[in-house]
Amino acid sequence: MAVLQKRLELFHVVGHENLERFVGLRLASAARGDAAVERAIAELFEDGELVRHARRVRRIYASRRDALVAALERYVQGALRFSTPDGGMAIWARVDEAVDVDAWVSAGESEGVLFAPSHRFAFAGRAPPFLRLGFTSLDESELTEAARRMGRALGRLREPKRAARR
């Protein structure tokens, strides 16, 4: 909203024709790079801030990944097969063939947890039964709660099958 307000203020100050000209000049200069931004990034490299930040983030993401792995092992009981990644921002997990992936995703949404089936990342929507489970945007307790809700959603899918066997 603030960006839109600033643009409207700029529009009123410089007028439509001049604004178009400024935008055109900015786009033309962006193709060659932005010296101020490039210098600022160079300074972050030179003083080691980017390296420190990368180390900090790797520790945080590893802790979050480990919390998600432990929670999935606890709450999803064998419905997923995966290897713990060495890095990255998500776990790709193969879903047991007895589980309807789309139904599980839908049941998860009703439990207040969102996770993505692999076909959302595939061309033409065709993909094996995998889930992408991102772990960087939530803290450890939130990831544990997300896995608990995934397990509850999975349990709801499995209950009708158990009742039908009786």
C-alpha atoms as a PDB file:
ATOM      1  CA  MET A   1       0.000   0.000   0.000  1.00  0.00           C
ATOM      2  CA  ALA A   2       2.813   2.401   0.853  1.00  0.00           C
ATOM      3  CA  VAL A   3       4.468   1.749  -2.517  1.00  0.00           C
ATOM      4  CA  LEU A   4       1.225   2.525  -4.327  1.00  0.00           C
ATOM      5  CA  GLN A   5       0.825   5.721  -2.293  1.00  0.00           C
ATOM      6  CA  LYS A   6       4.374   6.808  -3.197  1.00  0.00           C
ATOM      7  CA  ARG A   7       3.730   6.134  -6.871  1.00  0.00           C
ATOM      8  CA  LEU A   8       0.540   8.178  -6.767  1.00  0.00           C
ATOM      9  CA  GLU A   9       2.365  11.029  -5.045  1.00  0.00           C
ATOM     10  CA  LEU A  10       5.128  10.872  -7.649  1.00  0.00           C
ATOM     11  CA  PHE A  11       2.560  10.822 -10.439  1.00  0.00           C
ATOM     12  CA  HIS A  12       0.939  14.004  -9.121  1.00  0.00           C
ATOM     13  CA  VAL A  13       4.288  15.778  -8.703  1.00  0.00           C
ATOM     14  CA  VAL A  14       5.926  14.927 -12.028  1.00  0.00           C
ATOM     15  CA  GLY A  15       2.936  14.296 -14.266  1.00  0.00           C
ATOM     16  CA  HIS A  16       2.119  11.305 -16.435  1.00  0.00           C
ATOM     17  CA  GLU A  17       4.484  12.100 -19.325  1.00  0.00           C
ATOM     18  CA  ASN A  18       7.486  12.681 -17.079  1.00  0.00           C
ATOM     19  CA  LEU A  19       6.719   9.595 -14.995  1.00  0.00           C
ATOM     20  CA  GLU A  20       6.729   7.441 -18.126  1.00  0.00           C
ATOM     21  CA  ARG A  21      10.045   8.994 -19.100  1.00  0.00           C
ATOM     22  CA  PHE A  22      11.538   8.328 -15.631  1.00  0.00           C
ATOM     23  CA  VAL A  23      10.342   4.725 -15.705  1.00  0.00           C
ATOM     24  CA  GLY A  24      11.870   4.270 -19.151  1.00  0.00           C
ATOM     25  CA  LEU A  25      15.197   5.698 -17.992  1.00  0.00           C
ATOM     26  CA  ARG A  26      15.172   3.456 -14.912  1.00  0.00           C
ATOM     27  CA  LEU A  27      14.449   0.360 -16.984  1.00  0.00           C
ATOM     28  CA  ALA A  28      17.232   1.260 -19.415  1.00  0.00           C
ATOM     29  CA  SER A  29      19.734   1.753 -16.600  1.00  0.00           C
ATOM     30  CA  ALA A  30      18.672  -1.461 -14.839  1.00  0.00           C
ATOM     31  CA  ALA A  31      19.839  -3.472 -17.839  1.00  0.00           C
ATOM     32  CA  ARG A  32      23.395  -2.242 -17.162  1.00  0.00           C
ATOM     33  CA  GLY A  33      23.211  -2.850 -13.435  1.00  0.00           C
ATOM     34  CA  ASP A  34      22.808  -0.638 -10.428  1.00  0.00           C
ATOM     35  CA  ALA A  35      26.180   0.588  -9.212  1.00  0.00           C
ATOM     36  CA  ALA A  36      24.906   1.586  -5.756  1.00  0.00           C
ATOM     37  CA  VAL A  37      23.317  -1.821  -5.104  1.00  0.00           C
ATOM     38  CA  GLU A  38      26.309  -3.645  -6.528  1.00  0.00           C
ATOM     39  CA  ARG A  39      28.655  -1.637  -4.267  1.00  0.00           C
ATOM     40  CA  ALA A  40      26.513  -2.349  -1.209  1.00  0.00           C
ATOM     41  CA  ILE A  41      26.579  -6.079  -1.957  1.00  0.00           C
ATOM     42  CA  ALA A  42      30.343  -5.941  -2.503  1.00  0.00           C
ATOM     43  CA  GLU A  43      30.736  -4.323   0.926  1.00  0.00           C
ATOM     44  CA  LEU A  44      28.640  -7.093   2.500  1.00  0.00           C
ATOM     45  CA  PHE A  45      31.013  -9.631   0.942  1.00  0.00           C
ATOM     46  CA  GLU A  46      34.120  -7.700   1.927  1.00  0.00           C
ATOM     47  CA  ASP A  47      33.207  -7.261   5.582  1.00  0.00           C
ATOM     48  CA  GLY A  48      32.081 -10.892   5.887  1.00  0.00           C
ATOM     49  CA  GLU A  49      28.451 -10.120   6.719  1.00  0.00           C
ATOM     50  CA  LEU A  50      27.091 -12.380   3.959  1.00  0.00           C
ATOM     51  CA  VAL A  51      29.246 -15.290   5.133  1.00  0.00           C
ATOM     52  CA  ARG A  52      28.094 -14.785   8.743  1.00  0.00           C
ATOM     53  CA  HIS A  53      24.494 -14.559   7.585  1.00  0.00           C
ATOM     54  CA  ALA A  54      24.820 -17.757   5.523  1.00  0.00           C
ATOM     55  CA  ARG A  55      26.251 -19.630   8.528  1.00  0.00           C
ATOM     56  CA  ARG A  56      23.463 -18.352  10.780  1.00  0.00           C
ATOM     57  CA  VAL A  57      20.774 -19.318   8.285  1.00  0.00           C
ATOM     58  CA  ARG A  58      22.265 -22.784   7.706  1.00  0.00           C
ATOM     59  CA  ARG A  59      22.153 -23.467  11.472  1.00  0.00           C
ATOM     60  CA  ILE A  60      18.579 -22.217  11.747  1.00  0.00           C
ATOM     61  CA  TYR A  61      17.400 -24.197   8.712  1.00  0.00           C
ATOM     62  CA  ALA A  62      19.158 -27.371   9.909  1.00  0.00           C
ATOM     63  CA  SER A  63      17.396 -27.079  13.267  1.00  0.00           C
ATOM     64  CA  ARG A  64      14.052 -26.567  11.566  1.00  0.00           C
ATOM     65  CA  ARG A  65      14.686 -29.454   9.157  1.00  0.00           C
ATOM     66  CA  ASP A  66      15.549 -31.758  12.061  1.00  0.00           C
ATOM     67  CA  ALA A  67      12.428 -30.704  13.971  1.00  0.00           C
ATOM     68  CA  LEU A  68      10.255 -31.458  10.934  1.00  0.00           C
ATOM     69  CA  VAL A  69      11.919 -34.831  10.369  1.00  0.00           C
ATOM     70  CA  ALA A  70      11.347 -35.839  14.005  1.00  0.00           C
ATOM     71  CA  ALA A  71       7.737 -34.641  13.917  1.00  0.00           C
ATOM     72  CA  LEU A  72       6.991 -36.464  10.651  1.00  0.00           C
ATOM     73  CA  GLU A  73       8.442 -39.671  12.083  1.00  0.00           C
ATOM     74  CA  ARG A  74       6.226 -39.236  15.132  1.00  0.00           C
ATOM     75  CA  TYR A  75       2.932 -38.130  13.586  1.00  0.00           C
ATOM     76  CA  VAL A  76       2.820 -39.493  10.045  1.00  0.00           C
ATOM     77  CA  GLN A  77       3.809 -43.081  10.900  1.00  0.00           C
ATOM     78  CA  GLY A  78       5.179 -44.540   7.698  1.00  0.00           C
ATOM     79  CA  ALA A  79       2.997 -42.722   5.179  1.00  0.00           C
ATOM     80  CA  LEU A  80       6.097 -40.927   3.884  1.00  0.00           C
ATOM     81  CA  ARG A  81       9.535 -42.124   2.807  1.00  0.00           C
ATOM     82  CA  PHE A  82      12.328 -39.580   2.546  1.00  0.00           C
ATOM     83  CA  SER A  83      15.984 -38.987   3.181  1.00  0.00           C
ATOM     84  CA  THR A  84      16.943 -36.094   5.380  1.00  0.00           C
ATOM     85  CA  PRO A  85      18.511 -33.557   3.019  1.00  0.00           C
ATOM     86  CA  ASP A  86      21.950 -32.156   3.802  1.00  0.00           C
ATOM     87  CA  GLY A  87      20.700 -28.653   3.076  1.00  0.00           C
ATOM     88  CA  GLY A  88      18.049 -26.830   1.174  1.00  0.00           C
ATOM     89  CA  MET A  89      14.695 -25.454   2.176  1.00  0.00           C
ATOM     90  CA  ALA A  90      12.322 -28.402   1.784  1.00  0.00           C
ATOM     91  CA  ILE A  91      11.972 -32.142   2.115  1.00  0.00           C
ATOM     92  CA  TRP A  92      10.678 -34.119  -0.850  1.00  0.00           C
ATOM     93  CA  ALA A  93       8.878 -37.193   0.459  1.00  0.00           C
ATOM     94  CA  ARG A  94       7.378 -40.143  -1.407  1.00  0.00           C
ATOM     95  CA  VAL A  95       3.831 -40.860  -0.273  1.00  0.00           C
ATOM     96  CA  ASP A  96       2.816 -44.457   0.388  1.00  0.00           C
ATOM     97  CA  GLU A  97       0.823 -45.772  -2.569  1.00  0.00           C
ATOM     98  CA  ALA A  98      -2.154 -46.544  -0.313  1.00  0.00           C
ATOM     99  CA  VAL A  99      -2.609 -42.823   0.403  1.00  0.00           C
ATOM    100  CA  ASP A 100      -4.537 -40.563  -1.956  1.00  0.00           C
ATOM    101  CA  VAL A 101      -2.195 -37.573  -2.080  1.00  0.00           C
ATOM    102  CA  ASP A 102      -4.786 -35.028  -3.206  1.00  0.00           C
ATOM    103  CA  ALA A 103      -7.292 -36.194  -0.590  1.00  0.00           C
ATOM    104  CA  TRP A 104      -4.589 -35.890   2.082  1.00  0.00           C
ATOM    105  CA  VAL A 105      -3.699 -32.358   0.945  1.00  0.00           C
ATOM    106  CA  SER A 106      -7.390 -31.431   1.062  1.00  0.00           C
ATOM    107  CA  ALA A 107      -7.852 -32.976   4.508  1.00  0.00           C
ATOM    108  CA  GLY A 108      -4.733 -31.128   5.630  1.00  0.00           C
ATOM    109  CA  GLU A 109      -6.211 -27.825   4.504  1.00  0.00           C
ATOM    110  CA  SER A 110      -9.276 -28.499   6.646  1.00  0.00           C
ATOM    111  CA  GLU A 111      -6.890 -29.127   9.582  1.00  0.00           C
ATOM    112  CA  GLY A 112      -5.214 -25.778   8.904  1.00  0.00           C
ATOM    113  CA  VAL A 113      -1.965 -27.085   7.415  1.00  0.00           C
ATOM    114  CA  LEU A 114      -0.820 -26.568   3.839  1.00  0.00           C
ATOM    115  CA  PHE A 115       1.552 -28.873   1.998  1.00  0.00           C
ATOM    116  CA  ALA A 116       2.134 -29.293  -1.704  1.00  0.00           C
ATOM    117  CA  PRO A 117       1.751 -32.396  -3.863  1.00  0.00           C
ATOM    118  CA  SER A 118       4.477 -32.834  -6.477  1.00  0.00           C
ATOM    119  CA  HIS A 119       2.119 -32.410  -9.423  1.00  0.00           C
ATOM    120  CA  ARG A 120       1.965 -28.684  -8.614  1.00  0.00           C
ATOM    121  CA  PHE A 121       5.637 -28.540  -9.603  1.00  0.00           C
ATOM    122  CA  ALA A 122       5.459 -30.808 -12.664  1.00  0.00           C
ATOM    123  CA  PHE A 123       4.876 -30.017 -16.291  1.00  0.00           C
ATOM    124  CA  ALA A 124       1.408 -31.036 -17.458  1.00  0.00           C
ATOM    125  CA  GLY A 125       0.537 -31.913 -13.836  1.00  0.00           C
ATOM    126  CA  ARG A 126       2.040 -35.412 -14.055  1.00  0.00           C
ATOM    127  CA  ALA A 127       4.315 -36.474 -11.237  1.00  0.00           C
ATOM    128  CA  PRO A 128       4.884 -39.420  -8.914  1.00  0.00           C
ATOM    129  CA  PRO A 129       3.180 -39.302  -5.504  1.00  0.00           C
ATOM    130  CA  PHE A 130       5.506 -36.961  -3.627  1.00  0.00           C
ATOM    131  CA  LEU A 131       5.000 -34.062  -1.249  1.00  0.00           C
ATOM    132  CA  ARG A 132       7.166 -30.981  -0.960  1.00  0.00           C
ATOM    133  CA  LEU A 133       7.435 -29.979   2.685  1.00  0.00           C
ATOM    134  CA  GLY A 134       9.069 -26.601   3.151  1.00  0.00           C
ATOM    135  CA  PHE A 135      10.622 -25.951   6.554  1.00  0.00           C
ATOM    136  CA  THR A 136      12.245 -22.515   6.402  1.00  0.00           C
ATOM    137  CA  SER A 137       9.327 -20.198   7.123  1.00  0.00           C
ATOM    138  CA  LEU A 138       8.140 -21.848  10.350  1.00  0.00           C
ATOM    139  CA  ASP A 139       9.924 -22.310  13.653  1.00  0.00           C
ATOM    140  CA  GLU A 140      10.420 -25.709  15.293  1.00  0.00           C
ATOM    141  CA  SER A 141       7.210 -25.673  17.342  1.00  0.00           C
ATOM    142  CA  GLU A 142       5.159 -24.608  14.314  1.00  0.00           C
ATOM    143  CA  LEU A 143       6.697 -27.396  12.218  1.00  0.00           C
ATOM    144  CA  THR A 144       5.862 -29.920  14.936  1.00  0.00           C
ATOM    145  CA  GLU A 145       2.280 -28.662  14.999  1.00  0.00           C
ATOM    146  CA  ALA A 146       2.096 -28.826  11.188  1.00  0.00           C
ATOM    147  CA  ALA A 147       3.225 -32.473  11.217  1.00  0.00           C
ATOM    148  CA  ARG A 148       0.718 -33.234  13.988  1.00  0.00           C
ATOM    149  CA  ARG A 149      -2.059 -31.755  11.838  1.00  0.00           C
ATOM    150  CA  MET A 150      -0.827 -33.716   8.818  1.00  0.00           C
ATOM    151  CA  GLY A 151      -1.068 -36.854  10.929  1.00  0.00           C
ATOM    152  CA  ARG A 152      -4.571 -35.958  12.085  1.00  0.00           C
ATOM    153  CA  ALA A 153      -5.631 -35.362   8.460  1.00  0.00           C
ATOM    154  CA  LEU A 154      -4.118 -38.696   7.444  1.00  0.00           C
ATOM    155  CA  GLY A 155      -5.953 -40.417  10.281  1.00  0.00           C
ATOM    156  CA  ARG A 156      -9.248 -38.977   9.032  1.00  0.00           C
ATOM    157  CA  LEU A 157      -8.553 -40.480   5.602  1.00  0.00           C
ATOM    158  CA  ARG A 158      -7.730 -43.880   7.065  1.00  0.00           C
ATOM    159  CA  GLU A 159     -10.738 -44.077   9.440  1.00  0.00           C
ATOM    160  CA  PRO A 160     -13.387 -44.846   6.789  1.00  0.00           C
ATOM    161  CA  LYS A 161     -11.209 -47.717   5.507  1.00  0.00           C
ATOM    162  CA  ARG A 162     -10.895 -49.143   9.033  1.00  0.00           C
ATOM    163  CA  ALA A 163     -14.650 -48.878   9.574  1.00  0.00           C
ATOM    164  CA  ALA A 164     -15.355 -50.600   6.249  1.00  0.00           C
ATOM    165  CA  ARG A 165     -13.175 -53.601   7.254  1.00  0.00           C
ATOM    166  CA  ARG A 166     -15.185 -54.288  10.403  1.00  0.00           C
END
